[in-house]
């Protein structure tokens, strides 16, 4: 008799949601490091670019946590209905581009 994979699917979805949250919290940790810690280490540096970058990382982290929760809800609903919840291509692309831009901006601020 084939095993029902619904429970495993719910648990996998939960692990995925937690991964989104961990990534969001990591982005917020980077926000604190870039926005507060790094400027405090160098008194001669202009701190507004670091603060701006820190705010951007914090917002990125918030969006990651929000989207991870949104996906978990959609996947849970879809699994209960025997369906599949496709991720938003627009949001996925926007998060990828935003992450890349944050990386480039961090490299520029650190290099200057």
C-alpha atoms as a PDB file:
ATOM      1  CA  UNK A   1       0.000   0.000   0.000  1.00  0.00           C
ATOM      2  CA  UNK A   2       1.526   3.353  -1.010  1.00  0.00           C
ATOM      3  CA  UNK A   3       2.332   5.693   1.822  1.00  0.00           C
ATOM      4  CA  UNK A   4       0.551   9.033   2.005  1.00  0.00           C
ATOM      5  CA  UNK A   5       3.145  11.791   1.637  1.00  0.00           C
ATOM      6  CA  UNK A   6       0.921  14.560   3.011  1.00  0.00           C
ATOM      7  CA  UNK A   7       2.579  14.631   6.431  1.00  0.00           C
ATOM      8  CA  UNK A   8       6.045  14.718   4.943  1.00  0.00           C
ATOM      9  CA  UNK A   9       4.959  17.496   2.593  1.00  0.00           C
ATOM     10  CA  UNK A  10       3.620  19.583   5.490  1.00  0.00           C
ATOM     11  CA  UNK A  11       6.859  19.070   7.412  1.00  0.00           C
ATOM     12  CA  UNK A  12       8.955  19.953   4.364  1.00  0.00           C
ATOM     13  CA  UNK A  13       6.898  23.104   3.935  1.00  0.00           C
ATOM     14  CA  UNK A  14       7.481  23.968   7.585  1.00  0.00           C
ATOM     15  CA  UNK A  15      11.248  23.491   7.189  1.00  0.00           C
ATOM     16  CA  UNK A  16      11.167  25.694   4.108  1.00  0.00           C
ATOM     17  CA  UNK A  17       9.301  28.413   5.999  1.00  0.00           C
ATOM     18  CA  UNK A  18      11.885  28.259   8.769  1.00  0.00           C
ATOM     19  CA  UNK A  19      14.641  28.585   6.151  1.00  0.00           C
ATOM     20  CA  UNK A  20      12.971  31.759   4.825  1.00  0.00           C
ATOM     21  CA  UNK A  21      12.842  33.074   8.394  1.00  0.00           C
ATOM     22  CA  UNK A  22      16.481  32.199   9.064  1.00  0.00           C
ATOM     23  CA  UNK A  23      17.518  33.978   5.894  1.00  0.00           C
ATOM     24  CA  UNK A  24      15.457  37.019   6.874  1.00  0.00           C
ATOM     25  CA  UNK A  25      16.998  37.065  10.343  1.00  0.00           C
ATOM     26  CA  UNK A  26      20.462  36.749   8.801  1.00  0.00           C
ATOM     27  CA  UNK A  27      19.706  39.770   6.598  1.00  0.00           C
ATOM     28  CA  UNK A  28      18.689  41.685   9.735  1.00  0.00           C
ATOM     29  CA  UNK A  29      21.936  40.671  11.443  1.00  0.00           C
ATOM     30  CA  UNK A  30      23.822  41.990   8.407  1.00  0.00           C
ATOM     31  CA  UNK A  31      21.750  45.185   8.701  1.00  0.00           C
ATOM     32  CA  UNK A  32      22.921  45.669  12.273  1.00  0.00           C
ATOM     33  CA  UNK A  33      26.529  44.885  11.385  1.00  0.00           C
ATOM     34  CA  UNK A  34      26.649  47.131   8.318  1.00  0.00           C
ATOM     35  CA  UNK A  35      24.547  49.954   9.751  1.00  0.00           C
ATOM     36  CA  UNK A  36      25.973  50.156  13.272  1.00  0.00           C
ATOM     37  CA  UNK A  37      29.019  48.005  13.929  1.00  0.00           C
ATOM     38  CA  UNK A  38      31.141  48.776  10.860  1.00  0.00           C
ATOM     39  CA  UNK A  39      30.789  52.591  11.115  1.00  0.00           C
ATOM     40  CA  UNK A  40      31.648  52.397  14.833  1.00  0.00           C
ATOM     41  CA  UNK A  41      34.923  50.651  13.994  1.00  0.00           C
ATOM     42  CA  UNK A  42      36.139  53.550  11.835  1.00  0.00           C
ATOM     43  CA  UNK A  43      35.592  57.009  13.294  1.00  0.00           C
ATOM     44  CA  UNK A  44      36.860  58.690  10.129  1.00  0.00           C
ATOM     45  CA  UNK A  45      34.339  57.038   7.800  1.00  0.00           C
ATOM     46  CA  UNK A  46      31.186  58.787   6.645  1.00  0.00           C
ATOM     47  CA  UNK A  47      28.443  56.701   8.195  1.00  0.00           C
ATOM     48  CA  UNK A  48      25.320  57.556   6.155  1.00  0.00           C
ATOM     49  CA  UNK A  49      26.031  55.030   3.358  1.00  0.00           C
ATOM     50  CA  UNK A  50      26.401  52.289   5.962  1.00  0.00           C
ATOM     51  CA  UNK A  51      23.184  53.307   7.707  1.00  0.00           C
ATOM     52  CA  UNK A  52      21.297  53.417   4.411  1.00  0.00           C
ATOM     53  CA  UNK A  53      22.624  49.996   3.488  1.00  0.00           C
ATOM     54  CA  UNK A  54      21.716  48.705   6.943  1.00  0.00           C
ATOM     55  CA  UNK A  55      18.124  49.905   6.545  1.00  0.00           C
ATOM     56  CA  UNK A  56      17.960  48.267   3.105  1.00  0.00           C
ATOM     57  CA  UNK A  57      19.166  44.925   4.526  1.00  0.00           C
ATOM     58  CA  UNK A  58      16.641  45.163   7.366  1.00  0.00           C
ATOM     59  CA  UNK A  59      13.787  45.781   4.923  1.00  0.00           C
ATOM     60  CA  UNK A  60      15.012  42.897   2.792  1.00  0.00           C
ATOM     61  CA  UNK A  61      14.958  40.645   5.852  1.00  0.00           C
ATOM     62  CA  UNK A  62      11.407  41.690   6.695  1.00  0.00           C
ATOM     63  CA  UNK A  63      10.259  40.935   3.145  1.00  0.00           C
ATOM     64  CA  UNK A  64      11.949  37.515   3.241  1.00  0.00           C
ATOM     65  CA  UNK A  65      10.145  36.593   6.461  1.00  0.00           C
ATOM     66  CA  UNK A  66       6.841  37.906   5.106  1.00  0.00           C
ATOM     67  CA  UNK A  67       7.155  36.012   1.824  1.00  0.00           C
ATOM     68  CA  UNK A  68       8.232  32.816   3.594  1.00  0.00           C
ATOM     69  CA  UNK A  69       5.110  32.985   5.741  1.00  0.00           C
ATOM     70  CA  UNK A  70       2.948  33.742   2.720  1.00  0.00           C
ATOM     71  CA  UNK A  71       4.387  30.750   0.859  1.00  0.00           C
ATOM     72  CA  UNK A  72       3.882  28.449   3.843  1.00  0.00           C
ATOM     73  CA  UNK A  73       0.215  29.421   4.013  1.00  0.00           C
ATOM     74  CA  UNK A  74      -0.254  28.924   0.269  1.00  0.00           C
ATOM     75  CA  UNK A  75       1.523  25.560   0.269  1.00  0.00           C
ATOM     76  CA  UNK A  76      -0.418  24.355   3.317  1.00  0.00           C
ATOM     77  CA  UNK A  77      -3.698  25.265   1.651  1.00  0.00           C
ATOM     78  CA  UNK A  78      -2.670  23.652  -1.620  1.00  0.00           C
ATOM     79  CA  UNK A  79      -1.540  20.417   0.035  1.00  0.00           C
ATOM     80  CA  UNK A  80      -4.809  20.132   1.946  1.00  0.00           C
ATOM     81  CA  UNK A  81      -6.649  20.466  -1.373  1.00  0.00           C
ATOM     82  CA  UNK A  82      -4.343  18.039  -3.198  1.00  0.00           C
ATOM     83  CA  UNK A  83      -2.917  20.818  -5.360  1.00  0.00           C
ATOM     84  CA  UNK A  84       0.444  22.529  -5.859  1.00  0.00           C
ATOM     85  CA  UNK A  85       1.155  26.165  -5.016  1.00  0.00           C
ATOM     86  CA  UNK A  86       3.462  27.696  -7.579  1.00  0.00           C
ATOM     87  CA  UNK A  87       5.739  30.436  -6.238  1.00  0.00           C
ATOM     88  CA  UNK A  88       5.328  33.921  -7.623  1.00  0.00           C
ATOM     89  CA  UNK A  89       7.870  34.385 -10.384  1.00  0.00           C
ATOM     90  CA  UNK A  90       7.655  38.146  -9.932  1.00  0.00           C
ATOM     91  CA  UNK A  91       8.383  38.078  -6.207  1.00  0.00           C
ATOM     92  CA  UNK A  92      11.129  35.473  -6.636  1.00  0.00           C
ATOM     93  CA  UNK A  93      12.805  37.559  -9.326  1.00  0.00           C
ATOM     94  CA  UNK A  94      12.433  40.745  -7.269  1.00  0.00           C
ATOM     95  CA  UNK A  95      14.014  39.089  -4.223  1.00  0.00           C
ATOM     96  CA  UNK A  96      16.882  37.781  -6.346  1.00  0.00           C
ATOM     97  CA  UNK A  97      17.526  41.167  -7.935  1.00  0.00           C
ATOM     98  CA  UNK A  98      17.252  42.943  -4.575  1.00  0.00           C
ATOM     99  CA  UNK A  99      19.743  40.521  -3.018  1.00  0.00           C
ATOM    100  CA  UNK A 100      22.176  41.008  -5.895  1.00  0.00           C
ATOM    101  CA  UNK A 101      21.840  44.797  -5.676  1.00  0.00           C
ATOM    102  CA  UNK A 102      22.440  44.693  -1.934  1.00  0.00           C
ATOM    103  CA  UNK A 103      25.571  42.647  -2.567  1.00  0.00           C
ATOM    104  CA  UNK A 104      26.847  45.104  -5.171  1.00  0.00           C
ATOM    105  CA  UNK A 105      26.003  48.084  -2.947  1.00  0.00           C
ATOM    106  CA  UNK A 106      27.843  46.466  -0.030  1.00  0.00           C
ATOM    107  CA  UNK A 107      30.903  45.862  -2.200  1.00  0.00           C
ATOM    108  CA  UNK A 108      30.858  49.491  -3.355  1.00  0.00           C
ATOM    109  CA  UNK A 109      30.463  50.920   0.148  1.00  0.00           C
ATOM    110  CA  UNK A 110      33.218  48.704   1.524  1.00  0.00           C
ATOM    111  CA  UNK A 111      35.559  49.484  -1.389  1.00  0.00           C
ATOM    112  CA  UNK A 112      35.197  53.264  -1.102  1.00  0.00           C
END
